[in-house]
């Protein structure tokens, strides 16, 4: 990001970082995400933008940077819609796909940028919108599921493989032991600690994981 406050050509500054934080970016995955050789980021995602891009391209000559200009998508719109807190994945057919919350579709500036990018045949070839409103309301989003682990199901302890029966057991334990809310004044209550330990034990027992107690 070039400085816009001192007018010095080529100077770098931290205005971008300050603008992003002021708009609600509490960590970088709210304004940038990467997959394979593609970096998808907002123009204000990095304080030392030019230097960072130079270093990145020096280490990864084939990197493709997909940058969303602040003039097209204001930083506030990007953060509210969680455009960059989305999942950027490569499915088996190789068409890189952005799994984005429906808020991206419902935010005009974001939706317009997505349409333009897809029409340009850019690095992101598809966008799938998903309804994660409950997660969004609690500060989460698709990126909360970004953990990727390559594993052969045959080599995984079957107790950790989920199915409908196990999901029903988990739901029953939650219904019986998880409070719907915890008042602030109860956070230091020893009774609450005991309830939490009891709930954990019930969950482990329901999943056949007593040895982890």
C-alpha atoms as a PDB file:
ATOM      1  CA  UNK A   1       0.000   0.000   0.000  1.00  0.00           C
ATOM      2  CA  UNK A   2       1.515   3.342  -1.035  1.00  0.00           C
ATOM      3  CA  UNK A   3       1.347   6.133   1.512  1.00  0.00           C
ATOM      4  CA  UNK A   4      -1.465   8.545   0.795  1.00  0.00           C
ATOM      5  CA  UNK A   5      -0.899  10.795   3.772  1.00  0.00           C
ATOM      6  CA  UNK A   6       2.610  12.133   3.149  1.00  0.00           C
ATOM      7  CA  UNK A   7       2.724  12.110  -0.633  1.00  0.00           C
ATOM      8  CA  UNK A   8       6.201  10.581  -0.838  1.00  0.00           C
ATOM      9  CA  UNK A   9       6.422   8.395  -3.963  1.00  0.00           C
ATOM     10  CA  UNK A  10       7.308   4.816  -3.160  1.00  0.00           C
ATOM     11  CA  UNK A  11       7.066   5.261   0.604  1.00  0.00           C
ATOM     12  CA  UNK A  12       5.288   2.564   2.587  1.00  0.00           C
ATOM     13  CA  UNK A  13       3.187   3.131   5.645  1.00  0.00           C
ATOM     14  CA  UNK A  14       0.937   1.436   8.141  1.00  0.00           C
ATOM     15  CA  UNK A  15      -2.210   3.273   7.124  1.00  0.00           C
ATOM     16  CA  UNK A  16      -3.551   0.123   5.468  1.00  0.00           C
ATOM     17  CA  UNK A  17      -3.139  -1.879   8.649  1.00  0.00           C
ATOM     18  CA  UNK A  18      -4.759   0.848  10.724  1.00  0.00           C
ATOM     19  CA  UNK A  19      -7.703   1.136   8.316  1.00  0.00           C
ATOM     20  CA  UNK A  20      -8.284  -2.624   8.327  1.00  0.00           C
ATOM     21  CA  UNK A  21      -8.146  -2.858  12.126  1.00  0.00           C
ATOM     22  CA  UNK A  22     -10.430   0.153  12.513  1.00  0.00           C
ATOM     23  CA  UNK A  23     -12.933  -1.519  10.183  1.00  0.00           C
ATOM     24  CA  UNK A  24     -13.030  -4.639  12.363  1.00  0.00           C
ATOM     25  CA  UNK A  25     -10.257  -6.930  11.098  1.00  0.00           C
ATOM     26  CA  UNK A  26      -9.281  -8.692  14.309  1.00  0.00           C
ATOM     27  CA  UNK A  27      -6.848 -11.025  12.528  1.00  0.00           C
ATOM     28  CA  UNK A  28      -5.485 -11.338   9.010  1.00  0.00           C
ATOM     29  CA  UNK A  29      -7.721 -14.170   7.809  1.00  0.00           C
ATOM     30  CA  UNK A  30     -10.562 -11.638   7.775  1.00  0.00           C
ATOM     31  CA  UNK A  31      -8.806  -9.758   4.950  1.00  0.00           C
ATOM     32  CA  UNK A  32      -6.756 -12.465   3.181  1.00  0.00           C
ATOM     33  CA  UNK A  33      -6.746 -16.194   2.439  1.00  0.00           C
ATOM     34  CA  UNK A  34      -4.435 -18.438   0.417  1.00  0.00           C
ATOM     35  CA  UNK A  35      -4.770 -21.762  -1.349  1.00  0.00           C
ATOM     36  CA  UNK A  36      -1.968 -23.553  -3.205  1.00  0.00           C
ATOM     37  CA  UNK A  37      -0.228 -20.830  -5.241  1.00  0.00           C
ATOM     38  CA  UNK A  38      -3.058 -18.283  -5.034  1.00  0.00           C
ATOM     39  CA  UNK A  39      -3.193 -15.437  -2.519  1.00  0.00           C
ATOM     40  CA  UNK A  40      -6.625 -13.796  -2.332  1.00  0.00           C
ATOM     41  CA  UNK A  41      -6.488 -10.529  -0.415  1.00  0.00           C
ATOM     42  CA  UNK A  42      -7.955  -7.085   0.024  1.00  0.00           C
ATOM     43  CA  UNK A  43      -5.850  -4.096  -0.998  1.00  0.00           C
ATOM     44  CA  UNK A  44      -5.583  -3.027   2.655  1.00  0.00           C
ATOM     45  CA  UNK A  45      -4.701  -6.474   4.001  1.00  0.00           C
ATOM     46  CA  UNK A  46      -0.978  -5.840   4.499  1.00  0.00           C
ATOM     47  CA  UNK A  47       0.767  -2.860   6.063  1.00  0.00           C
ATOM     48  CA  UNK A  48       3.940  -3.316   3.966  1.00  0.00           C
ATOM     49  CA  UNK A  49       2.084  -4.484   0.889  1.00  0.00           C
ATOM     50  CA  UNK A  50       4.698  -3.855  -1.815  1.00  0.00           C
ATOM     51  CA  UNK A  51       7.590  -5.303   0.160  1.00  0.00           C
ATOM     52  CA  UNK A  52       5.572  -8.345   1.160  1.00  0.00           C
ATOM     53  CA  UNK A  53       4.473  -9.040  -2.413  1.00  0.00           C
ATOM     54  CA  UNK A  54       8.067  -8.695  -3.630  1.00  0.00           C
ATOM     55  CA  UNK A  55       9.276 -11.206  -1.044  1.00  0.00           C
ATOM     56  CA  UNK A  56       6.438 -13.579  -1.801  1.00  0.00           C
ATOM     57  CA  UNK A  57       7.075 -13.504  -5.541  1.00  0.00           C
ATOM     58  CA  UNK A  58      10.795 -13.960  -4.902  1.00  0.00           C
ATOM     59  CA  UNK A  59      10.130 -17.165  -2.979  1.00  0.00           C
ATOM     60  CA  UNK A  60       7.199 -18.352  -5.106  1.00  0.00           C
ATOM     61  CA  UNK A  61       7.720 -17.157  -8.693  1.00  0.00           C
ATOM     62  CA  UNK A  62       4.456 -18.805  -9.809  1.00  0.00           C
ATOM     63  CA  UNK A  63       2.318 -17.210  -7.097  1.00  0.00           C
ATOM     64  CA  UNK A  64      -0.865 -15.550  -8.353  1.00  0.00           C
ATOM     65  CA  UNK A  65      -2.098 -12.622  -6.285  1.00  0.00           C
ATOM     66  CA  UNK A  66      -5.797 -11.880  -6.590  1.00  0.00           C
ATOM     67  CA  UNK A  67      -6.193  -8.480  -4.976  1.00  0.00           C
ATOM     68  CA  UNK A  68      -9.534  -6.779  -4.426  1.00  0.00           C
ATOM     69  CA  UNK A  69      -9.200  -2.982  -4.754  1.00  0.00           C
ATOM     70  CA  UNK A  70     -10.531  -0.859  -1.911  1.00  0.00           C
ATOM     71  CA  UNK A  71     -12.171   1.336  -4.533  1.00  0.00           C
ATOM     72  CA  UNK A  72     -14.332  -1.588  -5.644  1.00  0.00           C
ATOM     73  CA  UNK A  73     -14.957  -3.255  -2.295  1.00  0.00           C
ATOM     74  CA  UNK A  74     -14.602  -0.971   0.744  1.00  0.00           C
ATOM     75  CA  UNK A  75     -12.756  -2.652   3.591  1.00  0.00           C
ATOM     76  CA  UNK A  76     -15.880  -2.427   5.752  1.00  0.00           C
ATOM     77  CA  UNK A  77     -17.924  -4.369   3.186  1.00  0.00           C
ATOM     78  CA  UNK A  78     -15.216  -7.010   2.906  1.00  0.00           C
ATOM     79  CA  UNK A  79     -15.142  -7.533   6.655  1.00  0.00           C
ATOM     80  CA  UNK A  80     -18.898  -7.460   7.212  1.00  0.00           C
ATOM     81  CA  UNK A  81     -19.498  -9.974   4.419  1.00  0.00           C
ATOM     82  CA  UNK A  82     -16.510 -12.160   5.415  1.00  0.00           C
ATOM     83  CA  UNK A  83     -15.388 -12.322   1.786  1.00  0.00           C
ATOM     84  CA  UNK A  84     -11.860 -13.321   2.829  1.00  0.00           C
ATOM     85  CA  UNK A  85     -12.891 -15.339   5.858  1.00  0.00           C
ATOM     86  CA  UNK A  86     -14.239 -17.823   3.328  1.00  0.00           C
ATOM     87  CA  UNK A  87     -12.827 -21.186   2.314  1.00  0.00           C
ATOM     88  CA  UNK A  88     -10.679 -21.183  -0.831  1.00  0.00           C
ATOM     89  CA  UNK A  89     -10.346 -24.771  -2.007  1.00  0.00           C
ATOM     90  CA  UNK A  90      -9.444 -26.853  -5.036  1.00  0.00           C
ATOM     91  CA  UNK A  91     -11.987 -29.627  -5.650  1.00  0.00           C
ATOM     92  CA  UNK A  92     -11.124 -32.772  -7.642  1.00  0.00           C
ATOM     93  CA  UNK A  93     -12.004 -31.113 -10.970  1.00  0.00           C
ATOM     94  CA  UNK A  94      -9.287 -28.496 -10.364  1.00  0.00           C
ATOM     95  CA  UNK A  95     -11.585 -25.458 -10.574  1.00  0.00           C
ATOM     96  CA  UNK A  96     -10.544 -23.347  -7.590  1.00  0.00           C
ATOM     97  CA  UNK A  97     -13.671 -22.553  -5.600  1.00  0.00           C
ATOM     98  CA  UNK A  98     -14.503 -19.931  -3.010  1.00  0.00           C
ATOM     99  CA  UNK A  99     -16.965 -21.223  -0.411  1.00  0.00           C
ATOM    100  CA  UNK A 100     -18.427 -17.962   0.855  1.00  0.00           C
ATOM    101  CA  UNK A 101     -21.203 -16.976   3.264  1.00  0.00           C
ATOM    102  CA  UNK A 102     -24.455 -15.734   1.750  1.00  0.00           C
ATOM    103  CA  UNK A 103     -23.554 -12.302   3.139  1.00  0.00           C
ATOM    104  CA  UNK A 104     -21.139 -11.992   0.202  1.00  0.00           C
ATOM    105  CA  UNK A 105     -23.983 -12.504  -2.237  1.00  0.00           C
ATOM    106  CA  UNK A 106     -26.116  -9.996  -0.333  1.00  0.00           C
ATOM    107  CA  UNK A 107     -23.468  -7.245  -0.178  1.00  0.00           C
ATOM    108  CA  UNK A 108     -23.696  -5.319  -3.498  1.00  0.00           C
ATOM    109  CA  UNK A 109     -20.034  -4.294  -3.812  1.00  0.00           C
ATOM    110  CA  UNK A 110     -18.802  -7.802  -2.974  1.00  0.00           C
ATOM    111  CA  UNK A 111     -21.311  -9.532  -5.243  1.00  0.00           C
ATOM    112  CA  UNK A 112     -20.357  -7.218  -8.122  1.00  0.00           C
ATOM    113  CA  UNK A 113     -16.631  -7.909  -7.669  1.00  0.00           C
ATOM    114  CA  UNK A 114     -17.244 -11.660  -7.587  1.00  0.00           C
ATOM    115  CA  UNK A 115     -19.225 -11.487 -10.830  1.00  0.00           C
ATOM    116  CA  UNK A 116     -16.491  -9.491 -12.528  1.00  0.00           C
ATOM    117  CA  UNK A 117     -13.772 -11.873 -11.387  1.00  0.00           C
ATOM    118  CA  UNK A 118     -15.634 -14.966 -12.514  1.00  0.00           C
ATOM    119  CA  UNK A 119     -16.337 -13.357 -15.885  1.00  0.00           C
ATOM    120  CA  UNK A 120     -12.631 -12.554 -16.288  1.00  0.00           C
ATOM    121  CA  UNK A 121     -11.696 -16.229 -16.012  1.00  0.00           C
ATOM    122  CA  UNK A 122      -9.461 -15.437 -13.052  1.00  0.00           C
ATOM    123  CA  UNK A 123      -7.857 -17.793 -10.572  1.00  0.00           C
ATOM    124  CA  UNK A 124     -11.113 -18.334  -8.706  1.00  0.00           C
ATOM    125  CA  UNK A 125     -13.369 -20.226 -11.096  1.00  0.00           C
ATOM    126  CA  UNK A 126     -16.437 -20.840  -8.941  1.00  0.00           C
ATOM    127  CA  UNK A 127     -18.144 -19.416  -5.877  1.00  0.00           C
ATOM    128  CA  UNK A 128     -20.463 -21.458  -3.679  1.00  0.00           C
ATOM    129  CA  UNK A 129     -22.597 -19.512  -1.216  1.00  0.00           C
ATOM    130  CA  UNK A 130     -23.522 -21.167   2.072  1.00  0.00           C
ATOM    131  CA  UNK A 131     -25.814 -20.032   4.863  1.00  0.00           C
ATOM    132  CA  UNK A 132     -23.737 -19.806   8.047  1.00  0.00           C
ATOM    133  CA  UNK A 133     -25.710 -16.993   9.652  1.00  0.00           C
ATOM    134  CA  UNK A 134     -25.626 -18.538  13.121  1.00  0.00           C
ATOM    135  CA  UNK A 135     -21.852 -18.769  12.945  1.00  0.00           C
ATOM    136  CA  UNK A 136     -21.583 -15.258  11.523  1.00  0.00           C
ATOM    137  CA  UNK A 137     -23.729 -13.897  14.365  1.00  0.00           C
ATOM    138  CA  UNK A 138     -21.225 -15.278  16.859  1.00  0.00           C
ATOM    139  CA  UNK A 139     -18.131 -13.942  15.118  1.00  0.00           C
ATOM    140  CA  UNK A 140     -17.354 -17.057  13.118  1.00  0.00           C
ATOM    141  CA  UNK A 141     -17.592 -17.908   9.440  1.00  0.00           C
ATOM    142  CA  UNK A 142     -16.488 -20.457   6.844  1.00  0.00           C
ATOM    143  CA  UNK A 143     -12.833 -19.959   7.826  1.00  0.00           C
ATOM    144  CA  UNK A 144     -13.555 -21.562  11.184  1.00  0.00           C
ATOM    145  CA  UNK A 145     -13.472 -24.826   9.225  1.00  0.00           C
ATOM    146  CA  UNK A 146     -10.176 -24.175   7.410  1.00  0.00           C
ATOM    147  CA  UNK A 147      -8.264 -26.973   9.135  1.00  0.00           C
ATOM    148  CA  UNK A 148      -7.296 -29.465   6.430  1.00  0.00           C
ATOM    149  CA  UNK A 149      -5.999 -32.917   7.255  1.00  0.00           C
ATOM    150  CA  UNK A 150      -5.237 -35.572   4.658  1.00  0.00           C
ATOM    151  CA  UNK A 151      -6.205 -38.886   6.241  1.00  0.00           C
ATOM    152  CA  UNK A 152      -7.169 -42.345   5.086  1.00  0.00           C
ATOM    153  CA  UNK A 153     -10.399 -43.306   6.912  1.00  0.00           C
ATOM    154  CA  UNK A 154      -9.063 -46.845   7.157  1.00  0.00           C
ATOM    155  CA  UNK A 155      -6.214 -45.611   9.342  1.00  0.00           C
ATOM    156  CA  UNK A 156      -8.363 -43.462  11.639  1.00  0.00           C
ATOM    157  CA  UNK A 157      -9.628 -44.762  14.983  1.00  0.00           C
ATOM    158  CA  UNK A 158     -13.289 -45.558  14.170  1.00  0.00           C
ATOM    159  CA  UNK A 159     -14.355 -43.847  17.376  1.00  0.00           C
ATOM    160  CA  UNK A 160     -13.486 -40.550  15.709  1.00  0.00           C
ATOM    161  CA  UNK A 161     -15.504 -41.250  12.537  1.00  0.00           C
ATOM    162  CA  UNK A 162     -18.896 -39.558  12.671  1.00  0.00           C
ATOM    163  CA  UNK A 163     -22.225 -41.024  11.590  1.00  0.00           C
ATOM    164  CA  UNK A 164     -25.887 -40.291  12.285  1.00  0.00           C
ATOM    165  CA  UNK A 165     -25.949 -42.423  15.422  1.00  0.00           C
ATOM    166  CA  UNK A 166     -22.994 -40.579  16.934  1.00  0.00           C
ATOM    167  CA  UNK A 167     -24.442 -37.217  15.988  1.00  0.00           C
ATOM    168  CA  UNK A 168     -27.638 -38.160  17.806  1.00  0.00           C
ATOM    169  CA  UNK A 169     -25.615 -39.141  20.870  1.00  0.00           C
ATOM    170  CA  UNK A 170     -23.763 -35.831  20.818  1.00  0.00           C
ATOM    171  CA  UNK A 171     -27.043 -33.926  20.480  1.00  0.00           C
ATOM    172  CA  UNK A 172     -28.465 -35.827  23.464  1.00  0.00           C
ATOM    173  CA  UNK A 173     -25.433 -35.050  25.626  1.00  0.00           C
ATOM    174  CA  UNK A 174     -25.617 -31.373  24.688  1.00  0.00           C
ATOM    175  CA  UNK A 175     -29.326 -31.281  25.477  1.00  0.00           C
ATOM    176  CA  UNK A 176     -28.775 -32.868  28.865  1.00  0.00           C
ATOM    177  CA  UNK A 177     -25.593 -31.130  29.991  1.00  0.00           C
ATOM    178  CA  UNK A 178     -24.866 -27.931  28.047  1.00  0.00           C
ATOM    179  CA  UNK A 179     -26.394 -24.702  29.426  1.00  0.00           C
ATOM    180  CA  UNK A 180     -28.098 -22.429  26.949  1.00  0.00           C
ATOM    181  CA  UNK A 181     -26.325 -19.491  28.518  1.00  0.00           C
ATOM    182  CA  UNK A 182     -23.766 -18.818  31.226  1.00  0.00           C
ATOM    183  CA  UNK A 183     -24.231 -15.604  33.226  1.00  0.00           C
ATOM    184  CA  UNK A 184     -21.045 -13.608  33.614  1.00  0.00           C
ATOM    185  CA  UNK A 185     -21.222 -13.811  37.411  1.00  0.00           C
ATOM    186  CA  UNK A 186     -21.180 -17.632  37.228  1.00  0.00           C
ATOM    187  CA  UNK A 187     -17.820 -17.869  35.458  1.00  0.00           C
ATOM    188  CA  UNK A 188     -15.963 -18.257  38.755  1.00  0.00           C
ATOM    189  CA  UNK A 189     -18.587 -20.493  40.334  1.00  0.00           C
ATOM    190  CA  UNK A 190     -17.138 -23.863  41.337  1.00  0.00           C
ATOM    191  CA  UNK A 191     -20.507 -25.446  40.552  1.00  0.00           C
ATOM    192  CA  UNK A 192     -20.121 -24.366  36.929  1.00  0.00           C
ATOM    193  CA  UNK A 193     -16.675 -25.977  36.764  1.00  0.00           C
ATOM    194  CA  UNK A 194     -18.171 -29.196  38.134  1.00  0.00           C
ATOM    195  CA  UNK A 195     -20.951 -29.077  35.536  1.00  0.00           C
ATOM    196  CA  UNK A 196     -18.392 -28.603  32.742  1.00  0.00           C
ATOM    197  CA  UNK A 197     -16.373 -31.578  33.927  1.00  0.00           C
ATOM    198  CA  UNK A 198     -19.535 -33.663  34.159  1.00  0.00           C
ATOM    199  CA  UNK A 199     -20.546 -32.667  30.618  1.00  0.00           C
ATOM    200  CA  UNK A 200     -17.117 -33.570  29.253  1.00  0.00           C
ATOM    201  CA  UNK A 201     -17.214 -36.952  30.956  1.00  0.00           C
ATOM    202  CA  UNK A 202     -20.686 -37.632  29.551  1.00  0.00           C
ATOM    203  CA  UNK A 203     -19.533 -36.737  26.035  1.00  0.00           C
ATOM    204  CA  UNK A 204     -16.474 -38.983  26.226  1.00  0.00           C
ATOM    205  CA  UNK A 205     -18.586 -41.851  27.521  1.00  0.00           C
ATOM    206  CA  UNK A 206     -21.169 -41.405  24.764  1.00  0.00           C
ATOM    207  CA  UNK A 207     -18.402 -41.533  22.151  1.00  0.00           C
ATOM    208  CA  UNK A 208     -16.654 -44.525  23.718  1.00  0.00           C
ATOM    209  CA  UNK A 209     -13.653 -42.381  24.609  1.00  0.00           C
ATOM    210  CA  UNK A 210     -13.573 -43.010  28.351  1.00  0.00           C
ATOM    211  CA  UNK A 211      -9.815 -43.618  28.188  1.00  0.00           C
ATOM    212  CA  UNK A 212      -9.341 -39.909  27.396  1.00  0.00           C
ATOM    213  CA  UNK A 213     -11.032 -38.819  30.622  1.00  0.00           C
END
